[in-house]
């Protein structure tokens, strides 16, 4: 059975695949609750810097665009970037930790 993706998932995947060096490892999951829609994003650890951008500017722009797509479809959409496995074990601060998102 082929799962049909929503417009917000398709849009986010398109943006992230364009930015990522490892587009085959981009994974978007969608969940809906009383607060709205939550898109969770997993990317290759090497792509985190490109997705977050300097000072978080890229991820802020992506969040803004995803919210606009949600508004067009009458939904409140939020984006969560999941920290890659092993990021803390390597002793590095992740970009998300530095931004305190």
PDB file of N, CA and C in Angstrom:
ATOM      1  N   UNK A   1       0.837  -1.180   0.000  1.00  0.00           N
ATOM      2  CA  UNK A   1       0.000   0.000   0.000  1.00  0.00           C
ATOM      3  C   UNK A   1       0.889   1.253   0.000  1.00  0.00           C
ATOM      4  N   UNK A   2       0.672   2.120  -0.932  1.00  0.00           N
ATOM      5  CA  UNK A   2       1.454   3.342  -1.037  1.00  0.00           C
ATOM      6  C   UNK A   2       0.771   4.427  -0.221  1.00  0.00           C
ATOM      7  N   UNK A   3       1.528   5.028   0.648  1.00  0.00           N
ATOM      8  CA  UNK A   3       1.017   6.071   1.523  1.00  0.00           C
ATOM      9  C   UNK A   3       1.034   7.408   0.794  1.00  0.00           C
ATOM     10  N   UNK A   4      -0.105   8.081   0.751  1.00  0.00           N
ATOM     11  CA  UNK A   4      -0.169   9.377   0.076  1.00  0.00           C
ATOM     12  C   UNK A   4       0.289  10.467   1.038  1.00  0.00           C
ATOM     13  N   UNK A   5       1.221  11.274   0.593  1.00  0.00           N
ATOM     14  CA  UNK A   5       1.752  12.345   1.428  1.00  0.00           C
ATOM     15  C   UNK A   5       0.938  13.616   1.230  1.00  0.00           C
ATOM     16  N   UNK A   6       0.811  14.361   2.292  1.00  0.00           N
ATOM     17  CA  UNK A   6       0.077  15.612   2.243  1.00  0.00           C
ATOM     18  C   UNK A   6       0.944  16.696   1.612  1.00  0.00           C
ATOM     19  N   UNK A   7       0.314  17.816   1.294  1.00  0.00           N
ATOM     20  CA  UNK A   7       1.041  18.918   0.655  1.00  0.00           C
ATOM     21  C   UNK A   7       2.152  19.460   1.538  1.00  0.00           C
ATOM     22  N   UNK A   8       1.879  19.549   2.845  1.00  0.00           N
ATOM     23  CA  UNK A   8       2.912  20.087   3.731  1.00  0.00           C
ATOM     24  C   UNK A   8       4.119  19.149   3.817  1.00  0.00           C
ATOM     25  N   UNK A   9       3.883  17.838   3.839  1.00  0.00           N
ATOM     26  CA  UNK A   9       4.996  16.875   3.838  1.00  0.00           C
ATOM     27  C   UNK A   9       5.789  16.949   2.538  1.00  0.00           C
ATOM     28  N   UNK A  10       5.085  16.995   1.421  1.00  0.00           N
ATOM     29  CA  UNK A  10       5.750  17.073   0.117  1.00  0.00           C
ATOM     30  C   UNK A  10       6.597  18.334   0.008  1.00  0.00           C
ATOM     31  N   UNK A  11       6.046  19.453   0.464  1.00  0.00           N
ATOM     32  CA  UNK A  11       6.749  20.727   0.396  1.00  0.00           C
ATOM     33  C   UNK A  11       8.015  20.700   1.251  1.00  0.00           C
ATOM     34  N   UNK A  12       7.896  20.201   2.489  1.00  0.00           N
ATOM     35  CA  UNK A  12       9.057  20.137   3.373  1.00  0.00           C
ATOM     36  C   UNK A  12      10.126  19.207   2.809  1.00  0.00           C
ATOM     37  N   UNK A  13       9.730  18.050   2.311  1.00  0.00           N
ATOM     38  CA  UNK A  13      10.695  17.122   1.716  1.00  0.00           C
ATOM     39  C   UNK A  13      11.417  17.750   0.530  1.00  0.00           C
ATOM     40  N   UNK A  14      10.692  18.469  -0.296  1.00  0.00           N
ATOM     41  CA  UNK A  14      11.308  19.120  -1.456  1.00  0.00           C
ATOM     42  C   UNK A  14      12.384  20.112  -1.008  1.00  0.00           C
ATOM     43  N   UNK A  15      12.062  20.950  -0.027  1.00  0.00           N
ATOM     44  CA  UNK A  15      13.021  21.955   0.447  1.00  0.00           C
ATOM     45  C   UNK A  15      14.248  21.280   1.054  1.00  0.00           C
ATOM     46  N   UNK A  16      14.015  20.318   1.933  1.00  0.00           N
ATOM     47  CA  UNK A  16      15.127  19.673   2.630  1.00  0.00           C
ATOM     48  C   UNK A  16      15.982  18.859   1.666  1.00  0.00           C
ATOM     49  N   UNK A  17      15.357  18.145   0.728  1.00  0.00           N
ATOM     50  CA  UNK A  17      16.131  17.377  -0.254  1.00  0.00           C
ATOM     51  C   UNK A  17      17.001  18.282  -1.111  1.00  0.00           C
ATOM     52  N   UNK A  18      16.537  19.486  -1.373  1.00  0.00           N
ATOM     53  CA  UNK A  18      17.319  20.442  -2.149  1.00  0.00           C
ATOM     54  C   UNK A  18      18.542  20.920  -1.362  1.00  0.00           C
ATOM     55  N   UNK A  19      18.389  21.095  -0.051  1.00  0.00           N
ATOM     56  CA  UNK A  19      19.491  21.591   0.782  1.00  0.00           C
ATOM     57  C   UNK A  19      20.473  20.499   1.210  1.00  0.00           C
ATOM     58  N   UNK A  20      19.994  19.278   1.368  1.00  0.00           N
ATOM     59  CA  UNK A  20      20.794  18.214   1.971  1.00  0.00           C
ATOM     60  C   UNK A  20      21.777  17.586   0.991  1.00  0.00           C
ATOM     61  N   UNK A  21      22.944  17.194   1.538  1.00  0.00           N
ATOM     62  CA  UNK A  21      23.926  16.442   0.754  1.00  0.00           C
ATOM     63  C   UNK A  21      23.569  14.959   0.715  1.00  0.00           C
ATOM     64  N   UNK A  22      22.741  14.518   1.648  1.00  0.00           N
ATOM     65  CA  UNK A  22      22.311  13.122   1.738  1.00  0.00           C
ATOM     66  C   UNK A  22      20.773  13.063   1.680  1.00  0.00           C
ATOM     67  N   UNK A  23      20.179  13.388   0.524  1.00  0.00           N
ATOM     68  CA  UNK A  23      18.709  13.446   0.456  1.00  0.00           C
ATOM     69  C   UNK A  23      18.042  12.094   0.668  1.00  0.00           C
ATOM     70  N   UNK A  24      18.773  11.003   0.467  1.00  0.00           N
ATOM     71  CA  UNK A  24      18.187   9.675   0.663  1.00  0.00           C
ATOM     72  C   UNK A  24      17.920   9.389   2.140  1.00  0.00           C
ATOM     73  N   UNK A  25      18.543  10.150   3.038  1.00  0.00           N
ATOM     74  CA  UNK A  25      18.353   9.925   4.469  1.00  0.00           C
ATOM     75  C   UNK A  25      17.398  10.924   5.110  1.00  0.00           C
ATOM     76  N   UNK A  26      16.726  11.717   4.303  1.00  0.00           N
ATOM     77  CA  UNK A  26      15.736  12.659   4.819  1.00  0.00           C
ATOM     78  C   UNK A  26      14.450  11.905   5.089  1.00  0.00           C
ATOM     79  N   UNK A  27      13.928  12.068   6.299  1.00  0.00           N
ATOM     80  CA  UNK A  27      12.683  11.399   6.656  1.00  0.00           C
ATOM     81  C   UNK A  27      11.767  12.399   7.347  1.00  0.00           C
ATOM     82  N   UNK A  28      10.550  12.529   6.822  1.00  0.00           N
ATOM     83  CA  UNK A  28       9.547  13.414   7.397  1.00  0.00           C
ATOM     84  C   UNK A  28       8.392  12.564   7.900  1.00  0.00           C
ATOM     85  N   UNK A  29       8.022  12.766   9.164  1.00  0.00           N
ATOM     86  CA  UNK A  29       6.843  12.098   9.708  1.00  0.00           C
ATOM     87  C   UNK A  29       5.848  13.163  10.129  1.00  0.00           C
ATOM     88  N   UNK A  30       4.578  12.829  10.013  1.00  0.00           N
ATOM     89  CA  UNK A  30       3.502  13.791  10.274  1.00  0.00           C
ATOM     90  C   UNK A  30       2.579  13.221  11.331  1.00  0.00           C
ATOM     91  N   UNK A  31       2.266  14.029  12.336  1.00  0.00           N
ATOM     92  CA  UNK A  31       1.289  13.632  13.339  1.00  0.00           C
ATOM     93  C   UNK A  31       0.319  14.781  13.566  1.00  0.00           C
ATOM     94  N   UNK A  32      -0.920  14.429  13.869  1.00  0.00           N
ATOM     95  CA  UNK A  32      -1.964  15.422  14.067  1.00  0.00           C
ATOM     96  C   UNK A  32      -2.552  15.221  15.461  1.00  0.00           C
ATOM     97  N   UNK A  33      -2.713  16.323  16.206  1.00  0.00           N
ATOM     98  CA  UNK A  33      -3.379  16.275  17.502  1.00  0.00           C
ATOM     99  C   UNK A  33      -4.194  17.540  17.685  1.00  0.00           C
ATOM    100  N   UNK A  34      -4.647  17.794  18.919  1.00  0.00           N
ATOM    101  CA  UNK A  34      -5.495  18.956  19.156  1.00  0.00           C
ATOM    102  C   UNK A  34      -4.761  20.281  18.966  1.00  0.00           C
ATOM    103  N   UNK A  35      -3.412  20.258  19.012  1.00  0.00           N
ATOM    104  CA  UNK A  35      -2.616  21.469  18.816  1.00  0.00           C
ATOM    105  C   UNK A  35      -2.366  21.774  17.340  1.00  0.00           C
ATOM    106  N   UNK A  36      -2.629  20.831  16.460  1.00  0.00           N
ATOM    107  CA  UNK A  36      -2.396  21.037  15.040  1.00  0.00           C
ATOM    108  C   UNK A  36      -1.564  19.914  14.455  1.00  0.00           C
ATOM    109  N   UNK A  37      -0.791  20.254  13.448  1.00  0.00           N
ATOM    110  CA  UNK A  37       0.031  19.277  12.735  1.00  0.00           C
ATOM    111  C   UNK A  37       1.487  19.460  13.165  1.00  0.00           C
ATOM    112  N   UNK A  38       2.160  18.350  13.439  1.00  0.00           N
ATOM    113  CA  UNK A  38       3.575  18.384  13.767  1.00  0.00           C
ATOM    114  C   UNK A  38       4.332  17.586  12.721  1.00  0.00           C
ATOM    115  N   UNK A  39       5.245  18.266  12.021  1.00  0.00           N
ATOM    116  CA  UNK A  39       6.126  17.593  11.070  1.00  0.00           C
ATOM    117  C   UNK A  39       7.464  17.396  11.758  1.00  0.00           C
ATOM    118  N   UNK A  40       7.882  16.139  11.884  1.00  0.00           N
ATOM    119  CA  UNK A  40       9.176  15.813  12.483  1.00  0.00           C
ATOM    120  C   UNK A  40      10.150  15.473  11.371  1.00  0.00           C
ATOM    121  N   UNK A  41      11.329  16.038  11.453  1.00  0.00           N
ATOM    122  CA  UNK A  41      12.321  15.891  10.398  1.00  0.00           C
ATOM    123  C   UNK A  41      13.567  15.208  10.945  1.00  0.00           C
ATOM    124  N   UNK A  42      14.011  14.163  10.245  1.00  0.00           N
ATOM    125  CA  UNK A  42      15.278  13.496  10.551  1.00  0.00           C
ATOM    126  C   UNK A  42      16.161  13.623   9.322  1.00  0.00           C
ATOM    127  N   UNK A  43      17.400  14.050   9.545  1.00  0.00           N
ATOM    128  CA  UNK A  43      18.365  14.174   8.447  1.00  0.00           C
ATOM    129  C   UNK A  43      19.691  13.553   8.878  1.00  0.00           C
ATOM    130  N   UNK A  44      20.568  13.351   7.916  1.00  0.00           N
ATOM    131  CA  UNK A  44      21.919  12.848   8.179  1.00  0.00           C
ATOM    132  C   UNK A  44      22.632  13.872   9.070  1.00  0.00           C
ATOM    133  N   UNK A  45      23.434  13.415  10.044  1.00  0.00           N
ATOM    134  CA  UNK A  45      24.130  14.349  10.942  1.00  0.00           C
ATOM    135  C   UNK A  45      24.960  15.409  10.225  1.00  0.00           C
ATOM    136  N   UNK A  46      25.538  15.077   9.086  1.00  0.00           N
ATOM    137  CA  UNK A  46      26.347  16.062   8.349  1.00  0.00           C
ATOM    138  C   UNK A  46      25.493  17.161   7.731  1.00  0.00           C
ATOM    139  N   UNK A  47      24.200  16.926   7.557  1.00  0.00           N
ATOM    140  CA  UNK A  47      23.313  17.912   6.947  1.00  0.00           C
ATOM    141  C   UNK A  47      22.701  18.878   7.954  1.00  0.00           C
ATOM    142  N   UNK A  48      22.874  18.616   9.245  1.00  0.00           N
ATOM    143  CA  UNK A  48      22.245  19.458  10.261  1.00  0.00           C
ATOM    144  C   UNK A  48      22.653  20.924  10.133  1.00  0.00           C
ATOM    145  N   UNK A  49      23.920  21.175   9.893  1.00  0.00           N
ATOM    146  CA  UNK A  49      24.390  22.555   9.774  1.00  0.00           C
ATOM    147  C   UNK A  49      23.750  23.292   8.619  1.00  0.00           C
ATOM    148  N   UNK A  50      23.566  22.610   7.502  1.00  0.00           N
ATOM    149  CA  UNK A  50      22.946  23.250   6.339  1.00  0.00           C
ATOM    150  C   UNK A  50      21.469  23.520   6.583  1.00  0.00           C
ATOM    151  N   UNK A  51      20.808  22.604   7.277  1.00  0.00           N
ATOM    152  CA  UNK A  51      19.380  22.766   7.538  1.00  0.00           C
ATOM    153  C   UNK A  51      19.145  23.882   8.548  1.00  0.00           C
ATOM    154  N   UNK A  52      19.983  23.956   9.577  1.00  0.00           N
ATOM    155  CA  UNK A  52      19.802  24.980  10.608  1.00  0.00           C
ATOM    156  C   UNK A  52      20.273  26.340  10.113  1.00  0.00           C
ATOM    157  N   UNK A  53      21.401  26.391   9.446  1.00  0.00           N
ATOM    158  CA  UNK A  53      21.916  27.651   8.916  1.00  0.00           C
ATOM    159  C   UNK A  53      22.606  28.474   9.985  1.00  0.00           C
ATOM    160  N   UNK A  54      23.243  29.535   9.566  1.00  0.00           N
ATOM    161  CA  UNK A  54      23.982  30.395  10.487  1.00  0.00           C
ATOM    162  C   UNK A  54      23.019  31.115  11.422  1.00  0.00           C
ATOM    163  N   UNK A  55      23.185  30.861  12.700  1.00  0.00           N
ATOM    164  CA  UNK A  55      22.313  31.501  13.678  1.00  0.00           C
ATOM    165  C   UNK A  55      20.873  31.020  13.606  1.00  0.00           C
ATOM    166  N   UNK A  56      20.625  29.919  12.931  1.00  0.00           N
ATOM    167  CA  UNK A  56      19.269  29.390  12.827  1.00  0.00           C
ATOM    168  C   UNK A  56      18.421  30.055  11.763  1.00  0.00           C
ATOM    169  N   UNK A  57      19.037  30.837  10.905  1.00  0.00           N
ATOM    170  CA  UNK A  57      18.269  31.597   9.915  1.00  0.00           C
ATOM    171  C   UNK A  57      17.555  30.703   8.907  1.00  0.00           C
ATOM    172  N   UNK A  58      18.210  29.626   8.485  1.00  0.00           N
ATOM    173  CA  UNK A  58      17.593  28.747   7.486  1.00  0.00           C
ATOM    174  C   UNK A  58      16.407  28.011   8.068  1.00  0.00           C
ATOM    175  N   UNK A  59      16.553  27.451   9.268  1.00  0.00           N
ATOM    176  CA  UNK A  59      15.446  26.710   9.869  1.00  0.00           C
ATOM    177  C   UNK A  59      14.274  27.640  10.197  1.00  0.00           C
ATOM    178  N   UNK A  60      14.550  28.874  10.572  1.00  0.00           N
ATOM    179  CA  UNK A  60      13.460  29.841  10.810  1.00  0.00           C
ATOM    180  C   UNK A  60      12.684  30.098   9.524  1.00  0.00           C
ATOM    181  N   UNK A  61      13.395  30.255   8.415  1.00  0.00           N
ATOM    182  CA  UNK A  61      12.738  30.487   7.130  1.00  0.00           C
ATOM    183  C   UNK A  61      11.914  29.269   6.709  1.00  0.00           C
ATOM    184  N   UNK A  62      12.458  28.067   6.911  1.00  0.00           N
ATOM    185  CA  UNK A  62      11.730  26.841   6.564  1.00  0.00           C
ATOM    186  C   UNK A  62      10.466  26.732   7.409  1.00  0.00           C
ATOM    187  N   UNK A  63      10.582  26.997   8.709  1.00  0.00           N
ATOM    188  CA  UNK A  63       9.396  26.947   9.588  1.00  0.00           C
ATOM    189  C   UNK A  63       8.331  27.929   9.129  1.00  0.00           C
ATOM    190  N   UNK A  64       8.767  29.117   8.757  1.00  0.00           N
ATOM    191  CA  UNK A  64       7.830  30.136   8.293  1.00  0.00           C
ATOM    192  C   UNK A  64       7.100  29.665   7.030  1.00  0.00           C
ATOM    193  N   UNK A  65       7.830  29.115   6.082  1.00  0.00           N
ATOM    194  CA  UNK A  65       7.220  28.637   4.841  1.00  0.00           C
ATOM    195  C   UNK A  65       6.260  27.473   5.091  1.00  0.00           C
ATOM    196  N   UNK A  66       6.639  26.556   5.977  1.00  0.00           N
ATOM    197  CA  UNK A  66       5.775  25.417   6.288  1.00  0.00           C
ATOM    198  C   UNK A  66       4.483  25.895   6.951  1.00  0.00           C
ATOM    199  N   UNK A  67       4.578  26.902   7.803  1.00  0.00           N
ATOM    200  CA  UNK A  67       3.364  27.453   8.435  1.00  0.00           C
ATOM    201  C   UNK A  67       2.454  28.090   7.392  1.00  0.00           C
ATOM    202  N   UNK A  68       3.025  28.749   6.405  1.00  0.00           N
ATOM    203  CA  UNK A  68       2.220  29.355   5.344  1.00  0.00           C
ATOM    204  C   UNK A  68       1.493  28.286   4.544  1.00  0.00           C
ATOM    205  N   UNK A  69       2.185  27.189   4.218  1.00  0.00           N
ATOM    206  CA  UNK A  69       1.535  26.077   3.514  1.00  0.00           C
ATOM    207  C   UNK A  69       0.394  25.527   4.362  1.00  0.00           C
ATOM    208  N   UNK A  70       0.608  25.429   5.666  1.00  0.00           N
ATOM    209  CA  UNK A  70      -0.446  24.963   6.563  1.00  0.00           C
ATOM    210  C   UNK A  70      -1.633  25.899   6.590  1.00  0.00           C
ATOM    211  N   UNK A  71      -1.387  27.195   6.618  1.00  0.00           N
ATOM    212  CA  UNK A  71      -2.485  28.168   6.622  1.00  0.00           C
ATOM    213  C   UNK A  71      -3.334  28.066   5.360  1.00  0.00           C
ATOM    214  N   UNK A  72      -2.675  27.816   4.251  1.00  0.00           N
ATOM    215  CA  UNK A  72      -3.423  27.664   3.005  1.00  0.00           C
ATOM    216  C   UNK A  72      -4.335  26.452   3.043  1.00  0.00           C
ATOM    217  N   UNK A  73      -3.979  25.454   3.876  1.00  0.00           N
ATOM    218  CA  UNK A  73      -4.781  24.244   4.014  1.00  0.00           C
ATOM    219  C   UNK A  73      -5.559  24.218   5.329  1.00  0.00           C
ATOM    220  N   UNK A  74      -5.693  25.397   5.962  1.00  0.00           N
ATOM    221  CA  UNK A  74      -6.474  25.565   7.188  1.00  0.00           C
ATOM    222  C   UNK A  74      -5.981  24.672   8.320  1.00  0.00           C
ATOM    223  N   UNK A  75      -4.663  24.631   8.521  1.00  0.00           N
ATOM    224  CA  UNK A  75      -4.076  23.836   9.592  1.00  0.00           C
ATOM    225  C   UNK A  75      -2.916  24.600  10.217  1.00  0.00           C
ATOM    226  N   UNK A  76      -2.721  24.377  11.490  1.00  0.00           N
ATOM    227  CA  UNK A  76      -1.561  24.953  12.175  1.00  0.00           C
ATOM    228  C   UNK A  76      -0.439  23.923  12.097  1.00  0.00           C
ATOM    229  N   UNK A  77       0.647  24.273  11.442  1.00  0.00           N
ATOM    230  CA  UNK A  77       1.739  23.329  11.212  1.00  0.00           C
ATOM    231  C   UNK A  77       2.990  23.815  11.926  1.00  0.00           C
ATOM    232  N   UNK A  78       3.621  22.895  12.658  1.00  0.00           N
ATOM    233  CA  UNK A  78       4.890  23.172  13.339  1.00  0.00           C
ATOM    234  C   UNK A  78       5.932  22.178  12.852  1.00  0.00           C
ATOM    235  N   UNK A  79       7.184  22.582  12.932  1.00  0.00           N
ATOM    236  CA  UNK A  79       8.295  21.752  12.485  1.00  0.00           C
ATOM    237  C   UNK A  79       9.213  21.443  13.660  1.00  0.00           C
ATOM    238  N   UNK A  80       9.536  20.170  13.816  1.00  0.00           N
ATOM    239  CA  UNK A  80      10.475  19.725  14.844  1.00  0.00           C
ATOM    240  C   UNK A  80      11.614  19.000  14.141  1.00  0.00           C
ATOM    241  N   UNK A  81      12.844  19.414  14.412  1.00  0.00           N
ATOM    242  CA  UNK A  81      14.002  18.729  13.847  1.00  0.00           C
ATOM    243  C   UNK A  81      14.553  17.816  14.929  1.00  0.00           C
ATOM    244  N   UNK A  82      14.586  16.535  14.643  1.00  0.00           N
ATOM    245  CA  UNK A  82      15.065  15.567  15.622  1.00  0.00           C
ATOM    246  C   UNK A  82      16.578  15.489  15.579  1.00  0.00           C
ATOM    247  N   UNK A  83      17.177  15.486  16.748  1.00  0.00           N
ATOM    248  CA  UNK A  83      18.632  15.427  16.855  1.00  0.00           C
ATOM    249  C   UNK A  83      19.125  14.074  16.364  1.00  0.00           C
ATOM    250  N   UNK A  84      20.155  14.059  15.524  1.00  0.00           N
ATOM    251  CA  UNK A  84      20.680  12.791  15.017  1.00  0.00           C
ATOM    252  C   UNK A  84      21.225  11.921  16.146  1.00  0.00           C
ATOM    253  N   UNK A  85      21.099  10.610  15.969  1.00  0.00           N
ATOM    254  CA  UNK A  85      21.617   9.678  16.961  1.00  0.00           C
ATOM    255  C   UNK A  85      23.132   9.798  17.044  1.00  0.00           C
ATOM    256  N   UNK A  86      23.655   9.763  18.252  1.00  0.00           N
ATOM    257  CA  UNK A  86      25.091   9.811  18.441  1.00  0.00           C
ATOM    258  C   UNK A  86      25.674  11.212  18.434  1.00  0.00           C
ATOM    259  N   UNK A  87      24.860  12.234  18.268  1.00  0.00           N
ATOM    260  CA  UNK A  87      25.390  13.600  18.227  1.00  0.00           C
ATOM    261  C   UNK A  87      25.987  13.987  19.575  1.00  0.00           C
ATOM    262  N   UNK A  88      25.347  13.632  20.656  1.00  0.00           N
ATOM    263  CA  UNK A  88      25.865  13.957  21.982  1.00  0.00           C
ATOM    264  C   UNK A  88      27.020  13.037  22.357  1.00  0.00           C
ATOM    265  N   UNK A  89      26.982  11.808  21.878  1.00  0.00           N
ATOM    266  CA  UNK A  89      28.038  10.854  22.197  1.00  0.00           C
ATOM    267  C   UNK A  89      29.381  11.273  21.598  1.00  0.00           C
ATOM    268  N   UNK A  90      29.340  12.035  20.511  1.00  0.00           N
ATOM    269  CA  UNK A  90      30.568  12.486  19.866  1.00  0.00           C
ATOM    270  C   UNK A  90      31.195  13.660  20.604  1.00  0.00           C
ATOM    271  N   UNK A  91      30.482  14.209  21.585  1.00  0.00           N
ATOM    272  CA  UNK A  91      31.023  15.322  22.349  1.00  0.00           C
ATOM    273  C   UNK A  91      30.785  16.667  21.696  1.00  0.00           C
ATOM    274  N   UNK A  92      30.080  16.700  20.587  1.00  0.00           N
ATOM    275  CA  UNK A  92      29.793  17.958  19.910  1.00  0.00           C
ATOM    276  C   UNK A  92      28.438  18.490  20.372  1.00  0.00           C
ATOM    277  N   UNK A  93      28.324  19.794  20.363  1.00  0.00           N
ATOM    278  CA  UNK A  93      27.016  20.389  20.566  1.00  0.00           C
ATOM    279  C   UNK A  93      26.321  20.393  19.222  1.00  0.00           C
ATOM    280  N   UNK A  94      25.070  19.997  19.231  1.00  0.00           N
ATOM    281  CA  UNK A  94      24.328  20.051  17.975  1.00  0.00           C
ATOM    282  C   UNK A  94      23.892  21.486  17.737  1.00  0.00           C
ATOM    283  N   UNK A  95      23.547  21.793  16.531  1.00  0.00           N
ATOM    284  CA  UNK A  95      23.057  23.126  16.191  1.00  0.00           C
ATOM    285  C   UNK A  95      21.784  23.450  16.944  1.00  0.00           C
ATOM    286  N   UNK A  96      20.947  22.453  17.193  1.00  0.00           N
ATOM    287  CA  UNK A  96      19.713  22.683  17.940  1.00  0.00           C
ATOM    288  C   UNK A  96      20.013  23.044  19.380  1.00  0.00           C
ATOM    289  N   UNK A  97      21.007  22.385  19.960  1.00  0.00           N
ATOM    290  CA  UNK A  97      21.369  22.667  21.358  1.00  0.00           C
ATOM    291  C   UNK A  97      21.897  24.093  21.484  1.00  0.00           C
ATOM    292  N   UNK A  98      22.680  24.529  20.496  1.00  0.00           N
ATOM    293  CA  UNK A  98      23.223  25.875  20.537  1.00  0.00           C
ATOM    294  C   UNK A  98      22.128  26.924  20.411  1.00  0.00           C
ATOM    295  N   UNK A  99      21.103  26.641  19.622  1.00  0.00           N
ATOM    296  CA  UNK A  99      20.018  27.593  19.439  1.00  0.00           C
ATOM    297  C   UNK A  99      19.022  27.567  20.589  1.00  0.00           C
ATOM    298  N   UNK A 100      19.028  26.485  21.364  1.00  0.00           N
ATOM    299  CA  UNK A 100      18.087  26.274  22.455  1.00  0.00           C
ATOM    300  C   UNK A 100      16.654  26.372  21.950  1.00  0.00           C
ATOM    301  N   UNK A 101      16.378  25.594  20.884  1.00  0.00           N
ATOM    302  CA  UNK A 101      15.036  25.574  20.310  1.00  0.00           C
ATOM    303  C   UNK A 101      14.189  24.763  21.176  1.00  0.00           C
TER     304      UNK A 101
END
